[in-house]
Amino acid sequence: MNELRDKHGLTEAEAIVQYRAKNYPKPALTADIAVLERSEAGLKLLLIRRGGHPYLGCWALPGGFADEGETIEQTAARELQEETGLTGLPLELVGIYSAPGRDPRGWTVSAAYAVCVEPGQLRAEAGDDAAEAGWFEVRDNAVYLPEGERLAFDHAQIIADAVAKLFQ
């Protein structure tokens, strides 16, 4: 049987030998996780205070870089466990975030996940590169931080999208 050839006359094996990964720059891949708690008193969101640069000291969604050989779903679960101690949550994909400049370290694409839990069900503890973990009020698809505190990266957009996906 004749092997299929592309417009350059190459078989798949020949094309793969000629492929040069350096010709195709790759973004860093990350996962961000919005853990929401809904009660009669309202909606709360779990954030971590960043213990490293960039955005040192700012609040952020738990998350981080994918390791080679793991799926992005595994990345989300691992990062959530490392930064907050939370495990076994049914994470739902919110979206992919890839705007140029979203991370000052370079080209970074993030898969964002969300989950809603029952009030008082979870006790999060900061770990890994998270300096602190805390629950914050959410109103009108936005998180309310204390005066003078800031949210890192494009997490305000991810939070708005997560709330919209889960509750609207």
N, C-alpha and C. Protein backbone atom coordinates (compact mmCIF):
# COMPACT_ATOMS: atom_id res chain seq x y z
N MET A 1 0.85 -1.19 0.00
CA MET A 1 0.00 0.00 0.00
C MET A 1 0.89 1.24 0.00
N ASN A 2 0.51 2.21 -0.80
CA ASN A 2 1.27 3.45 -0.89
C ASN A 2 1.02 4.33 0.32
N GLU A 3 2.11 4.86 0.87
CA GLU A 3 1.98 5.79 1.99
C GLU A 3 1.48 7.14 1.48
N LEU A 4 0.68 7.80 2.30
CA LEU A 4 0.20 9.12 1.95
C LEU A 4 1.37 10.10 1.99
N ARG A 5 1.37 11.02 1.03
CA ARG A 5 2.41 12.04 0.97
C ARG A 5 1.75 13.42 0.95
N ASP A 6 2.42 14.38 1.61
CA ASP A 6 1.87 15.73 1.65
C ASP A 6 2.23 16.48 0.37
N LYS A 7 1.91 17.76 0.32
CA LYS A 7 2.14 18.56 -0.89
C LYS A 7 3.62 18.70 -1.22
N HIS A 8 4.50 18.38 -0.26
CA HIS A 8 5.94 18.44 -0.50
C HIS A 8 6.49 17.06 -0.87
N GLY A 9 5.61 16.07 -0.97
CA GLY A 9 6.03 14.72 -1.33
C GLY A 9 6.56 13.91 -0.17
N LEU A 10 6.33 14.36 1.05
CA LEU A 10 6.87 13.68 2.23
C LEU A 10 5.86 12.74 2.86
N THR A 11 6.36 11.60 3.34
CA THR A 11 5.53 10.72 4.16
C THR A 11 5.48 11.32 5.57
N GLU A 12 4.63 10.77 6.41
CA GLU A 12 4.55 11.27 7.78
C GLU A 12 5.89 11.10 8.49
N ALA A 13 6.51 9.96 8.35
CA ALA A 13 7.80 9.71 9.01
C ALA A 13 8.86 10.71 8.53
N GLU A 14 8.89 11.01 7.24
CA GLU A 14 9.86 11.97 6.71
C GLU A 14 9.57 13.38 7.22
N ALA A 15 8.31 13.75 7.28
CA ALA A 15 7.94 15.08 7.77
C ALA A 15 8.31 15.25 9.24
N ILE A 16 8.12 14.22 10.05
CA ILE A 16 8.46 14.29 11.46
C ILE A 16 9.97 14.44 11.65
N VAL A 17 10.76 13.76 10.85
CA VAL A 17 12.22 13.89 10.93
C VAL A 17 12.64 15.33 10.63
N GLN A 18 11.95 16.00 9.73
CA GLN A 18 12.30 17.37 9.34
C GLN A 18 11.71 18.44 10.27
N TYR A 19 10.78 18.06 11.10
CA TYR A 19 10.13 19.02 12.01
C TYR A 19 11.16 19.60 12.97
N ARG A 20 11.10 20.91 13.18
CA ARG A 20 11.99 21.60 14.11
C ARG A 20 11.14 22.36 15.12
N ALA A 21 11.09 21.86 16.34
CA ALA A 21 10.27 22.47 17.39
C ALA A 21 10.66 23.92 17.63
N LYS A 22 11.94 24.25 17.48
CA LYS A 22 12.41 25.62 17.72
C LYS A 22 11.76 26.62 16.77
N ASN A 23 11.21 26.15 15.67
CA ASN A 23 10.53 27.03 14.73
C ASN A 23 9.13 27.42 15.20
N TYR A 24 8.67 26.80 16.28
CA TYR A 24 7.32 27.04 16.78
C TYR A 24 7.40 27.35 18.28
N PRO A 25 7.56 28.62 18.63
CA PRO A 25 7.65 28.98 20.06
C PRO A 25 6.42 28.48 20.82
N LYS A 26 6.64 28.09 22.05
CA LYS A 26 5.55 27.54 22.85
C LYS A 26 5.33 28.39 24.10
N PRO A 27 4.06 28.55 24.45
CA PRO A 27 3.76 29.28 25.69
C PRO A 27 3.98 28.37 26.90
N ALA A 28 4.13 28.99 28.06
CA ALA A 28 4.06 28.26 29.31
C ALA A 28 2.59 27.94 29.55
N LEU A 29 2.31 26.79 30.11
CA LEU A 29 0.94 26.36 30.36
C LEU A 29 0.69 26.35 31.86
N THR A 30 -0.40 26.99 32.28
CA THR A 30 -0.75 27.06 33.70
C THR A 30 -2.21 26.70 33.91
N ALA A 31 -2.57 26.49 35.16
CA ALA A 31 -3.96 26.29 35.55
C ALA A 31 -4.26 27.25 36.69
N ASP A 32 -5.45 27.81 36.70
CA ASP A 32 -5.95 28.67 37.78
C ASP A 32 -7.28 28.09 38.25
N ILE A 33 -7.53 28.15 39.55
CA ILE A 33 -8.71 27.50 40.10
C ILE A 33 -9.51 28.46 40.98
N ALA A 34 -10.79 28.63 40.66
CA ALA A 34 -11.71 29.44 41.47
C ALA A 34 -12.55 28.50 42.32
N VAL A 35 -12.31 28.53 43.64
CA VAL A 35 -13.10 27.74 44.58
C VAL A 35 -14.09 28.69 45.23
N LEU A 36 -15.37 28.46 44.98
CA LEU A 36 -16.43 29.33 45.48
C LEU A 36 -17.28 28.59 46.51
N GLU A 37 -17.75 29.36 47.47
CA GLU A 37 -18.60 28.82 48.54
C GLU A 37 -19.88 29.66 48.53
N ARG A 38 -21.02 29.00 48.39
CA ARG A 38 -22.29 29.73 48.33
C ARG A 38 -23.14 29.37 49.53
N SER A 39 -23.60 30.41 50.22
CA SER A 39 -24.48 30.22 51.38
C SER A 39 -25.59 31.26 51.31
N GLU A 40 -26.48 31.23 52.28
CA GLU A 40 -27.54 32.24 52.34
C GLU A 40 -26.96 33.63 52.54
N ALA A 41 -25.78 33.69 53.17
CA ALA A 41 -25.13 34.98 53.41
C ALA A 41 -24.48 35.54 52.15
N GLY A 42 -24.32 34.72 51.12
CA GLY A 42 -23.73 35.19 49.88
C GLY A 42 -22.66 34.25 49.35
N LEU A 43 -21.86 34.79 48.48
CA LEU A 43 -20.84 34.02 47.77
C LEU A 43 -19.46 34.43 48.25
N LYS A 44 -18.59 33.44 48.47
CA LYS A 44 -17.21 33.71 48.86
C LYS A 44 -16.27 32.97 47.93
N LEU A 45 -15.07 33.52 47.79
CA LEU A 45 -14.05 32.97 46.90
C LEU A 45 -12.76 32.76 47.68
N LEU A 46 -12.11 31.64 47.43
CA LEU A 46 -10.84 31.34 48.05
C LEU A 46 -9.70 31.93 47.22
N LEU A 47 -8.86 32.74 47.86
CA LEU A 47 -7.69 33.30 47.21
C LEU A 47 -6.45 32.99 48.03
N ILE A 48 -5.30 33.04 47.37
CA ILE A 48 -4.03 32.91 48.08
C ILE A 48 -3.25 34.21 47.91
N ARG A 49 -2.46 34.54 48.94
CA ARG A 49 -1.56 35.69 48.81
C ARG A 49 -0.26 35.15 48.23
N ARG A 50 0.20 35.78 47.16
CA ARG A 50 1.40 35.30 46.48
C ARG A 50 2.64 35.54 47.34
N GLY A 51 3.43 34.48 47.47
CA GLY A 51 4.65 34.55 48.26
C GLY A 51 5.88 34.80 47.42
N GLY A 52 5.71 34.93 46.11
CA GLY A 52 6.85 35.17 45.21
C GLY A 52 6.47 36.11 44.09
N HIS A 53 7.48 36.51 43.33
CA HIS A 53 7.26 37.39 42.18
C HIS A 53 6.74 36.56 41.01
N PRO A 54 6.02 37.13 40.07
CA PRO A 54 5.52 38.50 40.08
C PRO A 54 4.30 38.64 40.99
N TYR A 55 3.91 39.86 41.22
CA TYR A 55 2.76 40.18 42.06
C TYR A 55 2.95 39.72 43.51
N LEU A 56 4.17 39.80 44.01
CA LEU A 56 4.47 39.44 45.39
C LEU A 56 3.52 40.19 46.33
N GLY A 57 2.87 39.44 47.23
CA GLY A 57 1.97 40.04 48.21
C GLY A 57 0.56 40.28 47.72
N CYS A 58 0.31 40.11 46.45
CA CYS A 58 -1.04 40.30 45.91
C CYS A 58 -1.86 39.03 46.09
N TRP A 59 -3.17 39.18 46.04
CA TRP A 59 -4.07 38.04 46.10
C TRP A 59 -4.25 37.46 44.71
N ALA A 60 -4.41 36.15 44.64
CA ALA A 60 -4.55 35.46 43.35
C ALA A 60 -5.35 34.19 43.53
N LEU A 61 -5.86 33.69 42.43
CA LEU A 61 -6.45 32.36 42.44
C LEU A 61 -5.33 31.34 42.65
N PRO A 62 -5.60 30.25 43.35
CA PRO A 62 -4.60 29.19 43.42
C PRO A 62 -4.30 28.70 42.00
N GLY A 63 -3.07 28.34 41.76
CA GLY A 63 -2.72 27.83 40.44
C GLY A 63 -1.24 27.85 40.20
N GLY A 64 -0.84 27.39 39.03
CA GLY A 64 0.57 27.39 38.69
C GLY A 64 0.86 26.64 37.41
N PHE A 65 2.14 26.42 37.18
CA PHE A 65 2.63 25.85 35.93
C PHE A 65 2.43 24.34 35.84
N ALA A 66 2.12 23.90 34.63
CA ALA A 66 2.01 22.47 34.34
C ALA A 66 3.40 21.84 34.34
N ASP A 67 3.48 20.64 34.85
CA ASP A 67 4.69 19.84 34.77
C ASP A 67 4.63 19.00 33.51
N GLU A 68 5.78 18.75 32.91
CA GLU A 68 5.83 17.90 31.73
C GLU A 68 5.28 16.52 32.07
N GLY A 69 4.43 16.02 31.20
CA GLY A 69 3.89 14.68 31.40
C GLY A 69 2.58 14.62 32.15
N GLU A 70 2.05 15.76 32.61
CA GLU A 70 0.75 15.73 33.28
C GLU A 70 -0.28 16.45 32.43
N THR A 71 -1.54 16.05 32.58
CA THR A 71 -2.61 16.75 31.89
C THR A 71 -2.86 18.07 32.60
N ILE A 72 -3.55 18.98 31.95
CA ILE A 72 -3.86 20.26 32.58
C ILE A 72 -4.84 20.06 33.74
N GLU A 73 -5.69 19.03 33.66
CA GLU A 73 -6.58 18.72 34.78
C GLU A 73 -5.77 18.26 36.00
N GLN A 74 -4.72 17.47 35.76
CA GLN A 74 -3.84 17.06 36.85
C GLN A 74 -3.08 18.25 37.42
N THR A 75 -2.68 19.17 36.55
CA THR A 75 -2.01 20.40 37.02
C THR A 75 -2.92 21.16 37.97
N ALA A 76 -4.18 21.35 37.58
CA ALA A 76 -5.12 22.10 38.41
C ALA A 76 -5.28 21.44 39.77
N ALA A 77 -5.48 20.14 39.79
CA ALA A 77 -5.66 19.42 41.05
C ALA A 77 -4.40 19.49 41.91
N ARG A 78 -3.23 19.33 41.29
CA ARG A 78 -1.97 19.37 42.03
C ARG A 78 -1.71 20.75 42.61
N GLU A 79 -1.88 21.79 41.80
CA GLU A 79 -1.63 23.15 42.27
C GLU A 79 -2.60 23.54 43.39
N LEU A 80 -3.86 23.13 43.27
CA LEU A 80 -4.84 23.43 44.31
C LEU A 80 -4.41 22.76 45.62
N GLN A 81 -3.96 21.52 45.53
CA GLN A 81 -3.52 20.80 46.73
C GLN A 81 -2.26 21.43 47.31
N GLU A 82 -1.29 21.76 46.46
CA GLU A 82 -0.03 22.34 46.95
C GLU A 82 -0.23 23.69 47.62
N GLU A 83 -1.10 24.53 47.06
CA GLU A 83 -1.25 25.89 47.57
C GLU A 83 -2.31 26.05 48.65
N THR A 84 -3.26 25.10 48.74
CA THR A 84 -4.34 25.26 49.71
C THR A 84 -4.61 24.01 50.56
N GLY A 85 -4.05 22.88 50.17
CA GLY A 85 -4.30 21.63 50.87
C GLY A 85 -5.59 20.94 50.46
N LEU A 86 -6.34 21.52 49.53
CA LEU A 86 -7.63 20.96 49.12
C LEU A 86 -7.45 19.89 48.05
N THR A 87 -8.18 18.79 48.20
CA THR A 87 -8.08 17.69 47.25
C THR A 87 -9.46 17.15 46.91
N GLY A 88 -9.54 16.45 45.79
CA GLY A 88 -10.74 15.71 45.42
C GLY A 88 -11.93 16.52 44.98
N LEU A 89 -11.73 17.78 44.63
CA LEU A 89 -12.86 18.62 44.21
C LEU A 89 -13.16 18.42 42.73
N PRO A 90 -14.45 18.40 42.35
CA PRO A 90 -14.83 18.21 40.94
C PRO A 90 -14.70 19.52 40.15
N LEU A 91 -13.53 19.77 39.62
CA LEU A 91 -13.26 21.03 38.92
C LEU A 91 -13.90 21.04 37.55
N GLU A 92 -14.49 22.18 37.21
CA GLU A 92 -15.15 22.37 35.92
C GLU A 92 -14.40 23.43 35.13
N LEU A 93 -14.11 23.14 33.86
CA LEU A 93 -13.39 24.09 33.02
C LEU A 93 -14.22 25.35 32.81
N VAL A 94 -13.61 26.51 33.07
CA VAL A 94 -14.25 27.80 32.85
C VAL A 94 -13.86 28.34 31.48
N GLY A 95 -12.58 28.28 31.15
CA GLY A 95 -12.12 28.79 29.87
C GLY A 95 -10.61 28.80 29.78
N ILE A 96 -10.14 29.22 28.64
CA ILE A 96 -8.71 29.33 28.35
C ILE A 96 -8.38 30.82 28.26
N TYR A 97 -7.30 31.23 28.91
CA TYR A 97 -6.91 32.64 28.97
C TYR A 97 -5.52 32.78 28.37
N SER A 98 -5.44 33.59 27.31
CA SER A 98 -4.20 33.65 26.55
C SER A 98 -3.84 35.04 26.06
N ALA A 99 -4.43 36.07 26.65
CA ALA A 99 -4.16 37.43 26.19
C ALA A 99 -2.66 37.74 26.30
N PRO A 100 -2.09 38.31 25.26
CA PRO A 100 -0.68 38.70 25.35
C PRO A 100 -0.47 39.64 26.54
N GLY A 101 0.60 39.40 27.29
CA GLY A 101 0.93 40.25 28.42
C GLY A 101 0.21 39.90 29.71
N ARG A 102 -0.57 38.82 29.73
CA ARG A 102 -1.32 38.46 30.95
C ARG A 102 -0.40 38.06 32.08
N ASP A 103 0.82 37.68 31.76
CA ASP A 103 1.83 37.32 32.77
C ASP A 103 3.13 38.03 32.40
N PRO A 104 3.69 38.84 33.30
CA PRO A 104 4.90 39.59 32.97
C PRO A 104 6.13 38.71 32.73
N ARG A 105 6.06 37.42 33.07
CA ARG A 105 7.19 36.53 32.84
C ARG A 105 7.30 36.05 31.40
N GLY A 106 6.25 36.26 30.63
CA GLY A 106 6.29 35.84 29.23
C GLY A 106 4.97 35.24 28.79
N TRP A 107 5.01 34.64 27.62
CA TRP A 107 3.82 34.09 26.97
C TRP A 107 3.30 32.93 27.82
N THR A 108 2.12 33.12 28.40
CA THR A 108 1.53 32.13 29.29
C THR A 108 0.06 31.95 28.97
N VAL A 109 -0.34 30.71 28.82
CA VAL A 109 -1.73 30.35 28.57
C VAL A 109 -2.23 29.58 29.78
N SER A 110 -3.40 29.95 30.28
CA SER A 110 -3.95 29.30 31.46
C SER A 110 -5.31 28.68 31.17
N ALA A 111 -5.49 27.46 31.68
CA ALA A 111 -6.81 26.82 31.71
C ALA A 111 -7.38 27.11 33.09
N ALA A 112 -8.52 27.76 33.13
CA ALA A 112 -9.13 28.12 34.41
C ALA A 112 -10.27 27.16 34.73
N TYR A 113 -10.32 26.78 36.00
CA TYR A 113 -11.33 25.85 36.50
C TYR A 113 -12.09 26.48 37.66
N ALA A 114 -13.28 25.95 37.93
CA ALA A 114 -14.07 26.44 39.05
C ALA A 114 -14.82 25.29 39.70
N VAL A 115 -15.15 25.50 40.96
CA VAL A 115 -15.97 24.55 41.71
C VAL A 115 -16.72 25.34 42.77
N CYS A 116 -17.93 24.91 43.08
CA CYS A 116 -18.70 25.51 44.17
C CYS A 116 -18.87 24.46 45.26
N VAL A 117 -18.61 24.86 46.48
CA VAL A 117 -18.68 23.93 47.62
C VAL A 117 -19.69 24.44 48.65
N GLU A 118 -20.09 23.55 49.51
CA GLU A 118 -21.01 23.89 50.59
C GLU A 118 -20.30 24.75 51.63
N PRO A 119 -21.02 25.66 52.29
CA PRO A 119 -20.41 26.51 53.30
C PRO A 119 -19.78 25.69 54.43
N GLY A 120 -18.59 26.11 54.82
CA GLY A 120 -17.90 25.49 55.93
C GLY A 120 -17.34 24.11 55.65
N GLN A 121 -17.46 23.63 54.42
CA GLN A 121 -17.00 22.30 54.04
C GLN A 121 -15.48 22.20 53.98
N LEU A 122 -14.83 23.30 53.61
CA LEU A 122 -13.39 23.26 53.36
C LEU A 122 -12.61 24.13 54.33
N ARG A 123 -11.44 23.64 54.68
CA ARG A 123 -10.50 24.41 55.48
C ARG A 123 -9.21 24.48 54.67
N ALA A 124 -8.96 25.63 54.10
CA ALA A 124 -7.77 25.81 53.26
C ALA A 124 -6.61 26.34 54.09
N GLU A 125 -5.43 25.82 53.81
CA GLU A 125 -4.21 26.28 54.46
C GLU A 125 -3.17 26.57 53.40
N ALA A 126 -2.55 27.74 53.50
CA ALA A 126 -1.54 28.14 52.52
C ALA A 126 -0.36 27.18 52.55
N GLY A 127 0.13 26.85 51.37
CA GLY A 127 1.29 25.98 51.24
C GLY A 127 2.06 26.33 49.99
N ASP A 128 3.20 25.67 49.78
CA ASP A 128 4.05 25.86 48.61
C ASP A 128 4.43 27.34 48.50
N ASP A 129 4.10 28.01 47.39
CA ASP A 129 4.48 29.41 47.21
C ASP A 129 3.37 30.38 47.61
N ALA A 130 2.35 29.89 48.29
CA ALA A 130 1.27 30.75 48.80
C ALA A 130 1.63 31.16 50.23
N ALA A 131 1.63 32.47 50.48
CA ALA A 131 1.98 32.98 51.81
C ALA A 131 0.79 32.94 52.76
N GLU A 132 -0.42 32.92 52.20
CA GLU A 132 -1.63 32.99 53.02
C GLU A 132 -2.80 32.55 52.15
N ALA A 133 -3.84 32.04 52.77
CA ALA A 133 -5.08 31.70 52.06
C ALA A 133 -6.23 32.35 52.81
N GLY A 134 -7.23 32.83 52.06
CA GLY A 134 -8.38 33.47 52.71
C GLY A 134 -9.60 33.47 51.81
N TRP A 135 -10.75 33.62 52.44
CA TRP A 135 -12.04 33.67 51.74
C TRP A 135 -12.48 35.13 51.65
N PHE A 136 -12.97 35.51 50.47
CA PHE A 136 -13.37 36.89 50.22
C PHE A 136 -14.76 36.93 49.59
N GLU A 137 -15.50 37.98 49.94
CA GLU A 137 -16.85 38.17 49.43
C GLU A 137 -16.84 38.45 47.93
N VAL A 138 -17.82 37.88 47.25
CA VAL A 138 -18.03 38.12 45.82
C VAL A 138 -19.41 38.72 45.64
N ARG A 139 -19.46 39.85 44.92
CA ARG A 139 -20.73 40.50 44.57
C ARG A 139 -20.63 40.98 43.13
N ASP A 140 -21.71 40.82 42.41
CA ASP A 140 -21.77 41.29 41.02
C ASP A 140 -20.58 40.76 40.21
N ASN A 141 -20.27 39.49 40.40
CA ASN A 141 -19.20 38.79 39.65
C ASN A 141 -17.80 39.34 39.92
N ALA A 142 -17.62 40.06 41.02
CA ALA A 142 -16.31 40.61 41.37
C ALA A 142 -15.99 40.30 42.82
N VAL A 143 -14.71 40.09 43.11
CA VAL A 143 -14.27 39.82 44.47
C VAL A 143 -13.96 41.14 45.16
N TYR A 144 -14.30 41.23 46.44
CA TYR A 144 -14.04 42.45 47.21
C TYR A 144 -12.87 42.21 48.15
N LEU A 145 -11.79 42.95 47.90
CA LEU A 145 -10.58 42.87 48.71
C LEU A 145 -10.52 44.04 49.68
N PRO A 146 -9.82 43.88 50.79
CA PRO A 146 -9.65 45.01 51.71
C PRO A 146 -8.95 46.19 51.02
N GLU A 147 -9.19 47.36 51.51
CA GLU A 147 -8.57 48.59 50.99
C GLU A 147 -7.07 48.41 50.83
N GLY A 148 -6.55 48.79 49.67
CA GLY A 148 -5.12 48.73 49.41
C GLY A 148 -4.60 47.39 48.91
N GLU A 149 -5.45 46.37 48.88
CA GLU A 149 -5.03 45.05 48.38
C GLU A 149 -5.31 44.96 46.89
N ARG A 150 -4.49 44.15 46.20
CA ARG A 150 -4.65 44.02 44.75
C ARG A 150 -4.80 42.56 44.35
N LEU A 151 -5.41 42.36 43.19
CA LEU A 151 -5.57 41.04 42.60
C LEU A 151 -4.52 40.89 41.49
N ALA A 152 -3.88 39.74 41.41
CA ALA A 152 -2.80 39.49 40.45
C ALA A 152 -3.34 39.10 39.07
N PHE A 153 -2.47 39.27 38.10
CA PHE A 153 -2.69 38.80 36.72
C PHE A 153 -4.04 39.28 36.19
N ASP A 154 -4.70 38.43 35.40
CA ASP A 154 -6.03 38.72 34.85
C ASP A 154 -7.10 37.98 35.63
N HIS A 155 -6.83 37.77 36.92
CA HIS A 155 -7.72 36.94 37.72
C HIS A 155 -9.10 37.56 37.92
N ALA A 156 -9.23 38.87 37.83
CA ALA A 156 -10.57 39.49 37.93
C ALA A 156 -11.47 38.97 36.81
N GLN A 157 -10.92 38.84 35.62
CA GLN A 157 -11.70 38.34 34.48
C GLN A 157 -12.05 36.87 34.68
N ILE A 158 -11.10 36.09 35.14
CA ILE A 158 -11.35 34.65 35.38
C ILE A 158 -12.43 34.49 36.45
N ILE A 159 -12.36 35.29 37.50
CA ILE A 159 -13.36 35.21 38.57
C ILE A 159 -14.75 35.56 38.03
N ALA A 160 -14.86 36.63 37.27
CA ALA A 160 -16.14 37.03 36.69
C ALA A 160 -16.69 35.90 35.81
N ASP A 161 -15.84 35.31 35.01
CA ASP A 161 -16.28 34.23 34.13
C ASP A 161 -16.68 32.98 34.91
N ALA A 162 -15.94 32.68 35.98
CA ALA A 162 -16.26 31.51 36.80
C ALA A 162 -17.62 31.67 37.48
N VAL A 163 -17.85 32.83 38.04
CA VAL A 163 -19.13 33.10 38.71
C VAL A 163 -20.27 33.02 37.69
N ALA A 164 -20.06 33.62 36.54
CA ALA A 164 -21.10 33.58 35.50
C ALA A 164 -21.38 32.14 35.06
N LYS A 165 -20.33 31.37 34.90
CA LYS A 165 -20.51 29.97 34.43
C LYS A 165 -21.25 29.13 35.47
N LEU A 166 -20.92 29.29 36.73
CA LEU A 166 -21.50 28.45 37.77
C LEU A 166 -22.89 28.89 38.23
N PHE A 167 -23.20 30.20 38.13
CA PHE A 167 -24.41 30.71 38.77
C PHE A 167 -25.38 31.45 37.86
N GLN A 168 -25.09 31.58 36.59
CA GLN A 168 -26.01 32.34 35.75
C GLN A 168 -26.48 31.55 34.56
